């Protein structure tokens, strides 16, 4: 099930901390998307660094590596000046995560 796998990619700590962590991940996606809109490579790379730093490789190593690779693709688009494509990828990932949030938090 993809939603459980998405949760596992970032879940660190007790359940209460997990919900806090999940909201933080959404904020990091928002930061990255904002950087794409303003074409700010420094802010985009900083947000991607935070997303990568929060991945839990122990629980879901394959998913964590896949997400890391997707973030690297976004970095590559950023370096090429294609912030639109980086934003498209990040928006798709965020939407998947946001859909998971509603199920997880009963929203």
Foldseek 3Di string as FASTA:
>chain_A
DVLVLVLLQQDDDDPVVSLVSLVVLLVLLVQLLVCLVVLPLVSNVVSLVVNLVRTDCVRRVVVSVVVNVLSVVLNVCSVVSNSVVSNVSSVVVSVSSVVSSCVVVVD
